[in-house]
Amino acid sequence: ELLAKPAGLPVSSATDVLIRSIGGQDTALGLGLLFARPGPA
């Protein structure tokens, strides 16, 4: 709901699944930014 509420998305299990999917992918990207070696990676 941290994303659903400001975006005005309906409260539903389908919305939760999609937002959790976005959250999982972006968590991986964030961790990649934290731990990737400087340079091309």
PDB file of all heavy atoms in Angstrom:
ATOM      1  N   GLU A   1       0.813  -1.216   0.000  1.00  0.00           N
ATOM      2  CA  GLU A   1       0.000   0.000   0.000  1.00  0.00           C
ATOM      3  C   GLU A   1       0.853   1.275   0.000  1.00  0.00           C
ATOM      4  O   GLU A   1       0.341   2.360  -0.275  1.00  0.00           O
ATOM      5  CB  GLU A   1      -0.998   0.011   1.162  1.00  0.00           C
ATOM      6  CG  GLU A   1      -0.385  -0.054   2.526  1.00  0.00           C
ATOM      7  CD  GLU A   1      -0.234  -1.479   3.075  1.00  0.00           C
ATOM      8  OE1 GLU A   1      -0.243  -2.442   2.302  1.00  0.00           O
ATOM      9  OE2 GLU A   1      -0.085  -1.606   4.303  1.00  0.00           O
ATOM     10  N   LEU A   2       2.161   1.147   0.281  1.00  0.00           N
ATOM     11  CA  LEU A   2       3.048   2.317   0.184  1.00  0.00           C
ATOM     12  C   LEU A   2       3.077   2.884  -1.227  1.00  0.00           C
ATOM     13  O   LEU A   2       3.300   4.076  -1.416  1.00  0.00           O
ATOM     14  CB  LEU A   2       4.474   1.948   0.614  1.00  0.00           C
ATOM     15  CG  LEU A   2       4.674   1.643   2.096  1.00  0.00           C
ATOM     16  CD1 LEU A   2       6.072   1.103   2.349  1.00  0.00           C
ATOM     17  CD2 LEU A   2       4.414   2.883   2.929  1.00  0.00           C
ATOM     18  N   LEU A   3       2.844   2.054  -2.227  1.00  0.00           N
ATOM     19  CA  LEU A   3       2.726   2.509  -3.609  1.00  0.00           C
ATOM     20  C   LEU A   3       1.270   2.574  -4.050  1.00  0.00           C
ATOM     21  O   LEU A   3       0.874   3.509  -4.743  1.00  0.00           O
ATOM     22  CB  LEU A   3       3.511   1.586  -4.552  1.00  0.00           C
ATOM     23  CG  LEU A   3       3.382   1.871  -6.048  1.00  0.00           C
ATOM     24  CD1 LEU A   3       3.830   3.293  -6.380  1.00  0.00           C
ATOM     25  CD2 LEU A   3       4.178   0.864  -6.850  1.00  0.00           C
ATOM     26  N   ALA A   4       0.481   1.597  -3.626  1.00  0.00           N
ATOM     27  CA  ALA A   4      -0.918   1.530  -4.081  1.00  0.00           C
ATOM     28  C   ALA A   4      -1.707   2.781  -3.688  1.00  0.00           C
ATOM     29  O   ALA A   4      -2.441   3.341  -4.509  1.00  0.00           O
ATOM     30  CB  ALA A   4      -1.595   0.279  -3.529  1.00  0.00           C
ATOM     31  N   LYS A   5      -1.550   3.206  -2.447  1.00  0.00           N
ATOM     32  CA  LYS A   5      -2.331   4.338  -1.944  1.00  0.00           C
ATOM     33  C   LYS A   5      -2.038   5.633  -2.707  1.00  0.00           C
ATOM     34  O   LYS A   5      -2.953   6.262  -3.236  1.00  0.00           O
ATOM     35  CB  LYS A   5      -2.076   4.507  -0.445  1.00  0.00           C
ATOM     36  CG  LYS A   5      -3.236   5.017   0.327  1.00  0.00           C
ATOM     37  CD  LYS A   5      -2.920   4.986   1.814  1.00  0.00           C
ATOM     38  CE  LYS A   5      -4.169   5.241   2.622  1.00  0.00           C
ATOM     39  NZ  LYS A   5      -3.905   5.223   4.041  1.00  0.00           N
ATOM     40  N   PRO A   6      -0.762   6.057  -2.803  1.00  0.00           N
ATOM     41  CA  PRO A   6      -0.500   7.308  -3.530  1.00  0.00           C
ATOM     42  C   PRO A   6      -0.864   7.229  -5.012  1.00  0.00           C
ATOM     43  O   PRO A   6      -1.213   8.239  -5.621  1.00  0.00           O
ATOM     44  CB  PRO A   6       0.998   7.545  -3.367  1.00  0.00           C
ATOM     45  CG  PRO A   6       1.501   6.538  -2.421  1.00  0.00           C
ATOM     46  CD  PRO A   6       0.440   5.529  -2.185  1.00  0.00           C
ATOM     47  N   ALA A   7      -0.792   6.020  -5.581  1.00  0.00           N
ATOM     48  CA  ALA A   7      -1.125   5.866  -7.001  1.00  0.00           C
ATOM     49  C   ALA A   7      -2.627   5.736  -7.227  1.00  0.00           C
ATOM     50  O   ALA A   7      -3.094   5.788  -8.360  1.00  0.00           O
ATOM     51  CB  ALA A   7      -0.412   4.645  -7.567  1.00  0.00           C
ATOM     52  N   GLY A   8      -3.381   5.552  -6.149  1.00  0.00           N
ATOM     53  CA  GLY A   8      -4.822   5.399  -6.274  1.00  0.00           C
ATOM     54  C   GLY A   8      -5.231   4.042  -6.824  1.00  0.00           C
ATOM     55  O   GLY A   8      -6.298   3.905  -7.418  1.00  0.00           O
ATOM     56  N   LEU A   9      -4.387   3.043  -6.613  1.00  0.00           N
ATOM     57  CA  LEU A   9      -4.700   1.696  -7.085  1.00  0.00           C
ATOM     58  C   LEU A   9      -5.659   1.015  -6.115  1.00  0.00           C
ATOM     59  O   LEU A   9      -5.590   1.251  -4.904  1.00  0.00           O
ATOM     60  CB  LEU A   9      -3.420   0.875  -7.230  1.00  0.00           C
ATOM     61  CG  LEU A   9      -2.433   1.405  -8.272  1.00  0.00           C
ATOM     62  CD1 LEU A   9      -1.112   0.661  -8.184  1.00  0.00           C
ATOM     63  CD2 LEU A   9      -3.029   1.299  -9.657  1.00  0.00           C
ATOM     64  N   PRO A  10      -6.520   0.160  -6.617  1.00  0.00           N
ATOM     65  CA  PRO A  10      -7.474  -0.508  -5.730  1.00  0.00           C
ATOM     66  C   PRO A  10      -6.777  -1.482  -4.786  1.00  0.00           C
ATOM     67  O   PRO A  10      -5.750  -2.068  -5.134  1.00  0.00           O
ATOM     68  CB  PRO A  10      -8.384  -1.269  -6.709  1.00  0.00           C
ATOM     69  CG  PRO A  10      -7.554  -1.461  -7.927  1.00  0.00           C
ATOM     70  CD  PRO A  10      -6.645  -0.269  -8.004  1.00  0.00           C
ATOM     71  N   VAL A  11      -7.339  -1.611  -3.599  1.00  0.00           N
ATOM     72  CA  VAL A  11      -6.815  -2.579  -2.643  1.00  0.00           C
ATOM     73  C   VAL A  11      -7.340  -3.949  -3.056  1.00  0.00           C
ATOM     74  O   VAL A  11      -8.546  -4.189  -3.048  1.00  0.00           O
ATOM     75  CB  VAL A  11      -7.263  -2.232  -1.205  1.00  0.00           C
ATOM     76  CG1 VAL A  11      -6.813  -3.297  -0.224  1.00  0.00           C
ATOM     77  CG2 VAL A  11      -6.743  -0.858  -0.804  1.00  0.00           C
ATOM     78  N   SER A  12      -6.425  -4.805  -3.480  1.00  0.00           N
ATOM     79  CA  SER A  12      -6.815  -6.153  -3.887  1.00  0.00           C
ATOM     80  C   SER A  12      -5.592  -7.044  -3.861  1.00  0.00           C
ATOM     81  O   SER A  12      -4.448  -6.563  -3.851  1.00  0.00           O
ATOM     82  CB  SER A  12      -7.415  -6.150  -5.303  1.00  0.00           C
ATOM     83  OG  SER A  12      -6.408  -5.906  -6.262  1.00  0.00           O
ATOM     84  N   SER A  13      -5.836  -8.347  -3.868  1.00  0.00           N
ATOM     85  CA  SER A  13      -4.702  -9.280  -3.881  1.00  0.00           C
ATOM     86  C   SER A  13      -3.943  -9.167  -5.200  1.00  0.00           C
ATOM     87  O   SER A  13      -2.725  -9.320  -5.236  1.00  0.00           O
ATOM     88  CB  SER A  13      -5.179 -10.709  -3.645  1.00  0.00           C
ATOM     89  OG  SER A  13      -6.095 -11.104  -4.642  1.00  0.00           O
ATOM     90  N   ALA A  14      -4.631  -8.861  -6.301  1.00  0.00           N
ATOM     91  CA  ALA A  14      -3.956  -8.703  -7.592  1.00  0.00           C
ATOM     92  C   ALA A  14      -3.013  -7.496  -7.567  1.00  0.00           C
ATOM     93  O   ALA A  14      -1.882  -7.578  -8.062  1.00  0.00           O
ATOM     94  CB  ALA A  14      -4.980  -8.551  -8.711  1.00  0.00           C
ATOM     95  N   THR A  15      -3.468  -6.397  -6.999  1.00  0.00           N
ATOM     96  CA  THR A  15      -2.617  -5.212  -6.875  1.00  0.00           C
ATOM     97  C   THR A  15      -1.409  -5.525  -6.009  1.00  0.00           C
ATOM     98  O   THR A  15      -0.277  -5.160  -6.352  1.00  0.00           O
ATOM     99  CB  THR A  15      -3.410  -4.030  -6.282  1.00  0.00           C
ATOM    100  OG1 THR A  15      -4.499  -3.729  -7.143  1.00  0.00           O
ATOM    101  CG2 THR A  15      -2.544  -2.796  -6.123  1.00  0.00           C
ATOM    102  N   ASP A  16      -1.634  -6.215  -4.886  1.00  0.00           N
ATOM    103  CA  ASP A  16      -0.532  -6.588  -3.998  1.00  0.00           C
ATOM    104  C   ASP A  16       0.509  -7.427  -4.727  1.00  0.00           C
ATOM    105  O   ASP A  16       1.717  -7.210  -4.577  1.00  0.00           O
ATOM    106  CB  ASP A  16      -1.048  -7.344  -2.777  1.00  0.00           C
ATOM    107  CG  ASP A  16      -1.735  -6.442  -1.764  1.00  0.00           C
ATOM    108  OD1 ASP A  16      -1.764  -5.208  -1.970  1.00  0.00           O
ATOM    109  OD2 ASP A  16      -2.244  -6.986  -0.764  1.00  0.00           O
ATOM    110  N   VAL A  17       0.058  -8.378  -5.522  1.00  0.00           N
ATOM    111  CA  VAL A  17       0.991  -9.242  -6.257  1.00  0.00           C
ATOM    112  C   VAL A  17       1.837  -8.418  -7.225  1.00  0.00           C
ATOM    113  O   VAL A  17       3.064  -8.577  -7.291  1.00  0.00           O
ATOM    114  CB  VAL A  17       0.233 -10.359  -7.014  1.00  0.00           C
ATOM    115  CG1 VAL A  17       1.124 -11.044  -8.033  1.00  0.00           C
ATOM    116  CG2 VAL A  17      -0.336 -11.368  -6.041  1.00  0.00           C
ATOM    117  N   LEU A  18       1.198  -7.536  -7.971  1.00  0.00           N
ATOM    118  CA  LEU A  18       1.936  -6.723  -8.940  1.00  0.00           C
ATOM    119  C   LEU A  18       2.926  -5.782  -8.255  1.00  0.00           C
ATOM    120  O   LEU A  18       4.061  -5.636  -8.701  1.00  0.00           O
ATOM    121  CB  LEU A  18       0.960  -5.939  -9.817  1.00  0.00           C
ATOM    122  CG  LEU A  18       0.154  -6.789 -10.785  1.00  0.00           C
ATOM    123  CD1 LEU A  18      -0.891  -5.935 -11.505  1.00  0.00           C
ATOM    124  CD2 LEU A  18       1.046  -7.485 -11.787  1.00  0.00           C
ATOM    125  N   ILE A  19       2.504  -5.156  -7.171  1.00  0.00           N
ATOM    126  CA  ILE A  19       3.404  -4.236  -6.468  1.00  0.00           C
ATOM    127  C   ILE A  19       4.548  -5.002  -5.818  1.00  0.00           C
ATOM    128  O   ILE A  19       5.694  -4.555  -5.843  1.00  0.00           O
ATOM    129  CB  ILE A  19       2.626  -3.380  -5.444  1.00  0.00           C
ATOM    130  CG1 ILE A  19       1.731  -2.404  -6.208  1.00  0.00           C
ATOM    131  CG2 ILE A  19       3.590  -2.629  -4.518  1.00  0.00           C
ATOM    132  CD1 ILE A  19       0.817  -1.584  -5.335  1.00  0.00           C
ATOM    133  N   ARG A  20       4.266  -6.163  -5.273  1.00  0.00           N
ATOM    134  CA  ARG A  20       5.350  -6.974  -4.699  1.00  0.00           C
ATOM    135  C   ARG A  20       6.335  -7.425  -5.784  1.00  0.00           C
ATOM    136  O   ARG A  20       7.535  -7.506  -5.541  1.00  0.00           O
ATOM    137  CB  ARG A  20       4.772  -8.157  -3.933  1.00  0.00           C
ATOM    138  CG  ARG A  20       4.199  -7.747  -2.599  1.00  0.00           C
ATOM    139  CD  ARG A  20       3.791  -8.949  -1.750  1.00  0.00           C
ATOM    140  NE  ARG A  20       3.459  -8.507  -0.415  1.00  0.00           N
ATOM    141  CZ  ARG A  20       2.238  -8.526   0.100  1.00  0.00           C
ATOM    142  NH1 ARG A  20       1.218  -8.985  -0.606  1.00  0.00           N
ATOM    143  NH2 ARG A  20       2.030  -8.098   1.324  1.00  0.00           N
ATOM    144  N   SER A  21       5.829  -7.683  -6.976  1.00  0.00           N
ATOM    145  CA  SER A  21       6.710  -8.038  -8.093  1.00  0.00           C
ATOM    146  C   SER A  21       7.631  -6.865  -8.438  1.00  0.00           C
ATOM    147  O   SER A  21       8.846  -7.041  -8.604  1.00  0.00           O
ATOM    148  CB  SER A  21       5.867  -8.438  -9.304  1.00  0.00           C
ATOM    149  OG  SER A  21       6.695  -8.718 -10.397  1.00  0.00           O
ATOM    150  N   ILE A  22       7.056  -5.682  -8.531  1.00  0.00           N
ATOM    151  CA  ILE A  22       7.865  -4.478  -8.772  1.00  0.00           C
ATOM    152  C   ILE A  22       8.873  -4.307  -7.641  1.00  0.00           C
ATOM    153  O   ILE A  22      10.052  -4.030  -7.872  1.00  0.00           O
ATOM    154  CB  ILE A  22       6.968  -3.223  -8.890  1.00  0.00           C
ATOM    155  CG1 ILE A  22       6.127  -3.277 -10.158  1.00  0.00           C
ATOM    156  CG2 ILE A  22       7.810  -1.940  -8.855  1.00  0.00           C
ATOM    157  CD1 ILE A  22       5.029  -2.223 -10.212  1.00  0.00           C
ATOM    158  N   GLY A  23       8.412  -4.488  -6.415  1.00  0.00           N
ATOM    159  CA  GLY A  23       9.297  -4.348  -5.257  1.00  0.00           C
ATOM    160  C   GLY A  23      10.452  -5.330  -5.285  1.00  0.00           C
ATOM    161  O   GLY A  23      11.596  -4.974  -4.972  1.00  0.00           O
ATOM    162  N   GLY A  24      10.181  -6.556  -5.667  1.00  0.00           N
ATOM    163  CA  GLY A  24      11.238  -7.567  -5.737  1.00  0.00           C
ATOM    164  C   GLY A  24      12.274  -7.228  -6.797  1.00  0.00           C
ATOM    165  O   GLY A  24      13.489  -7.323  -6.561  1.00  0.00           O
ATOM    166  N   GLN A  25      11.799  -6.833  -7.955  1.00  0.00           N
ATOM    167  CA  GLN A  25      12.725  -6.473  -9.035  1.00  0.00           C
ATOM    168  C   GLN A  25      13.556  -5.250  -8.659  1.00  0.00           C
ATOM    169  O   GLN A  25      14.773  -5.231  -8.869  1.00  0.00           O
ATOM    170  CB  GLN A  25      11.931  -6.201 -10.314  1.00  0.00           C
ATOM    171  CG  GLN A  25      11.279  -7.444 -10.876  1.00  0.00           C
ATOM    172  CD  GLN A  25      10.271  -7.129 -11.961  1.00  0.00           C
ATOM    173  OE1 GLN A  25      10.303  -6.069 -12.580  1.00  0.00           O
ATOM    174  NE2 GLN A  25       9.351  -8.052 -12.197  1.00  0.00           N
ATOM    175  N   ASP A  26      12.906  -4.250  -8.094  1.00  0.00           N
ATOM    176  CA  ASP A  26      13.641  -3.039  -7.740  1.00  0.00           C
ATOM    177  C   ASP A  26      14.571  -3.259  -6.540  1.00  0.00           C
ATOM    178  O   ASP A  26      15.614  -2.605  -6.448  1.00  0.00           O
ATOM    179  CB  ASP A  26      12.682  -1.882  -7.479  1.00  0.00           C
ATOM    180  CG  ASP A  26      12.102  -1.307  -8.766  1.00  0.00           C
ATOM    181  OD1 ASP A  26      12.533  -1.724  -9.861  1.00  0.00           O
ATOM    182  OD2 ASP A  26      11.205  -0.443  -8.678  1.00  0.00           O
ATOM    183  N   THR A  27      14.217  -4.166  -5.643  1.00  0.00           N
ATOM    184  CA  THR A  27      15.142  -4.509  -4.554  1.00  0.00           C
ATOM    185  C   THR A  27      16.416  -5.101  -5.143  1.00  0.00           C
ATOM    186  O   THR A  27      17.530  -4.749  -4.735  1.00  0.00           O
ATOM    187  CB  THR A  27      14.495  -5.495  -3.560  1.00  0.00           C
ATOM    188  OG1 THR A  27      13.347  -4.873  -2.969  1.00  0.00           O
ATOM    189  CG2 THR A  27      15.469  -5.893  -2.458  1.00  0.00           C
ATOM    190  N   ALA A  28      16.263  -5.994  -6.110  1.00  0.00           N
ATOM    191  CA  ALA A  28      17.432  -6.590  -6.766  1.00  0.00           C
ATOM    192  C   ALA A  28      18.276  -5.516  -7.464  1.00  0.00           C
ATOM    193  O   ALA A  28      19.515  -5.535  -7.371  1.00  0.00           O
ATOM    194  CB  ALA A  28      16.986  -7.653  -7.765  1.00  0.00           C
ATOM    195  N   LEU A  29      17.621  -4.586  -8.143  1.00  0.00           N
ATOM    196  CA  LEU A  29      18.363  -3.500  -8.791  1.00  0.00           C
ATOM    197  C   LEU A  29      19.097  -2.637  -7.762  1.00  0.00           C
ATOM    198  O   LEU A  29      20.246  -2.254  -7.966  1.00  0.00           O
ATOM    199  CB  LEU A  29      17.423  -2.629  -9.624  1.00  0.00           C
ATOM    200  CG  LEU A  29      16.908  -3.254 -10.917  1.00  0.00           C
ATOM    201  CD1 LEU A  29      15.800  -2.386 -11.519  1.00  0.00           C
ATOM    202  CD2 LEU A  29      18.022  -3.452 -11.908  1.00  0.00           C
ATOM    203  N   GLY A  30      18.417  -2.336  -6.668  1.00  0.00           N
ATOM    204  CA  GLY A  30      19.051  -1.536  -5.612  1.00  0.00           C
ATOM    205  C   GLY A  30      20.262  -2.228  -5.021  1.00  0.00           C
ATOM    206  O   GLY A  30      21.313  -1.608  -4.825  1.00  0.00           O
ATOM    207  N   LEU A  31      20.141  -3.519  -4.756  1.00  0.00           N
ATOM    208  CA  LEU A  31      21.281  -4.273  -4.224  1.00  0.00           C
ATOM    209  C   LEU A  31      22.408  -4.348  -5.245  1.00  0.00           C
ATOM    210  O   LEU A  31      23.589  -4.281  -4.888  1.00  0.00           O
ATOM    211  CB  LEU A  31      20.837  -5.675  -3.795  1.00  0.00           C
ATOM    212  CG  LEU A  31      19.898  -5.713  -2.587  1.00  0.00           C
ATOM    213  CD1 LEU A  31      19.390  -7.129  -2.354  1.00  0.00           C
ATOM    214  CD2 LEU A  31      20.593  -5.170  -1.342  1.00  0.00           C
ATOM    215  N   GLY A  32      22.038  -4.461  -6.524  1.00  0.00           N
ATOM    216  CA  GLY A  32      23.052  -4.438  -7.580  1.00  0.00           C
ATOM    217  C   GLY A  32      23.820  -3.125  -7.590  1.00  0.00           C
ATOM    218  O   GLY A  32      25.046  -3.113  -7.738  1.00  0.00           O
ATOM    219  N   LEU A  33      23.112  -2.021  -7.401  1.00  0.00           N
ATOM    220  CA  LEU A  33      23.770  -0.717  -7.339  1.00  0.00           C
ATOM    221  C   LEU A  33      24.682  -0.608  -6.117  1.00  0.00           C
ATOM    222  O   LEU A  33      25.738   0.011  -6.170  1.00  0.00           O
ATOM    223  CB  LEU A  33      22.742   0.416  -7.305  1.00  0.00           C
ATOM    224  CG  LEU A  33      21.980   0.659  -8.601  1.00  0.00           C
ATOM    225  CD1 LEU A  33      20.822   1.624  -8.366  1.00  0.00           C
ATOM    226  CD2 LEU A  33      22.897   1.175  -9.681  1.00  0.00           C
ATOM    227  N   LEU A  34      24.290  -1.232  -5.039  1.00  0.00           N
ATOM    228  CA  LEU A  34      25.102  -1.186  -3.823  1.00  0.00           C
ATOM    229  C   LEU A  34      26.388  -2.004  -3.941  1.00  0.00           C
ATOM    230  O   LEU A  34      27.428  -1.610  -3.414  1.00  0.00           O
ATOM    231  CB  LEU A  34      24.302  -1.718  -2.627  1.00  0.00           C
ATOM    232  CG  LEU A  34      23.376  -0.738  -1.945  1.00  0.00           C
ATOM    233  CD1 LEU A  34      22.505  -1.452  -0.918  1.00  0.00           C
ATOM    234  CD2 LEU A  34      24.166   0.377  -1.278  1.00  0.00           C
ATOM    235  N   PHE A  35      26.317  -3.133  -4.642  1.00  0.00           N
ATOM    236  CA  PHE A  35      27.434  -4.080  -4.599  1.00  0.00           C
ATOM    237  C   PHE A  35      28.183  -4.271  -5.912  1.00  0.00           C
ATOM    238  O   PHE A  35      29.200  -4.960  -5.939  1.00  0.00           O
ATOM    239  CB  PHE A  35      26.943  -5.426  -4.078  1.00  0.00           C
ATOM    240  CG  PHE A  35      26.433  -5.346  -2.667  1.00  0.00           C
ATOM    241  CD1 PHE A  35      25.088  -5.495  -2.392  1.00  0.00           C
ATOM    242  CD2 PHE A  35      27.298  -5.068  -1.626  1.00  0.00           C
ATOM    243  CE1 PHE A  35      24.609  -5.405  -1.086  1.00  0.00           C
ATOM    244  CE2 PHE A  35      26.831  -4.964  -0.320  1.00  0.00           C
ATOM    245  CZ  PHE A  35      25.485  -5.140  -0.046  1.00  0.00           C
ATOM    246  N   ALA A  36      27.720  -3.677  -7.008  1.00  0.00           N
ATOM    247  CA  ALA A  36      28.430  -3.823  -8.282  1.00  0.00           C
ATOM    248  C   ALA A  36      29.788  -3.139  -8.217  1.00  0.00           C
ATOM    249  O   ALA A  36      29.946  -2.091  -7.585  1.00  0.00           O
ATOM    250  CB  ALA A  36      27.597  -3.230  -9.419  1.00  0.00           C
ATOM    251  N   ARG A  37      30.753  -3.743  -8.882  1.00  0.00           N
ATOM    252  CA  ARG A  37      32.076  -3.121  -8.945  1.00  0.00           C
ATOM    253  C   ARG A  37      31.993  -1.834  -9.771  1.00  0.00           C
ATOM    254  O   ARG A  37      31.270  -1.774 -10.756  1.00  0.00           O
ATOM    255  CB  ARG A  37      33.073  -4.069  -9.602  1.00  0.00           C
ATOM    256  CG  ARG A  37      33.400  -5.244  -8.748  1.00  0.00           C
ATOM    257  CD  ARG A  37      34.399  -6.125  -9.436  1.00  0.00           C
ATOM    258  NE  ARG A  37      34.626  -7.306  -8.608  1.00  0.00           N
ATOM    259  CZ  ARG A  37      35.752  -7.949  -8.557  1.00  0.00           C
ATOM    260  NH1 ARG A  37      36.771  -7.572  -9.300  1.00  0.00           N
ATOM    261  NH2 ARG A  37      35.879  -9.001  -7.775  1.00  0.00           N
ATOM    262  N   PRO A  38      32.752  -0.820  -9.364  1.00  0.00           N
ATOM    263  CA  PRO A  38      32.790   0.410 -10.161  1.00  0.00           C
ATOM    264  C   PRO A  38      33.245   0.099 -11.587  1.00  0.00           C
ATOM    265  O   PRO A  38      34.038  -0.800 -11.811  1.00  0.00           O
ATOM    266  CB  PRO A  38      33.815   1.281  -9.430  1.00  0.00           C
ATOM    267  CG  PRO A  38      33.781   0.780  -8.017  1.00  0.00           C
ATOM    268  CD  PRO A  38      33.539  -0.710  -8.140  1.00  0.00           C
ATOM    269  N   GLY A  39      32.710   0.843 -12.531  1.00  0.00           N
ATOM    270  CA  GLY A  39      33.054   0.620 -13.932  1.00  0.00           C
ATOM    271  C   GLY A  39      31.854   0.081 -14.687  1.00  0.00           C
ATOM    272  O   GLY A  39      30.704   0.436 -14.385  1.00  0.00           O
ATOM    273  N   PRO A  40      32.095  -0.804 -15.651  1.00  0.00           N
ATOM    274  CA  PRO A  40      31.009  -1.297 -16.497  1.00  0.00           C
ATOM    275  C   PRO A  40      29.860  -1.968 -15.735  1.00  0.00           C
ATOM    276  O   PRO A  40      28.700  -1.789 -16.097  1.00  0.00           O
ATOM    277  CB  PRO A  40      31.702  -2.297 -17.425  1.00  0.00           C
ATOM    278  CG  PRO A  40      33.131  -1.879 -17.446  1.00  0.00           C
ATOM    279  CD  PRO A  40      33.403  -1.294 -16.105  1.00  0.00           C
ATOM    280  N   ALA A  41      30.171  -2.725 -14.697  1.00  0.00           N
ATOM    281  CA  ALA A  41      29.110  -3.409 -13.946  1.00  0.00           C
ATOM    282  C   ALA A  41      28.177  -2.397 -13.275  1.00  0.00           C
ATOM    283  O   ALA A  41      26.952  -2.532 -13.349  1.00  0.00           O
ATOM    284  CB  ALA A  41      29.718  -4.354 -12.906  1.00  0.00           C
TER     285      ALA A  41
END
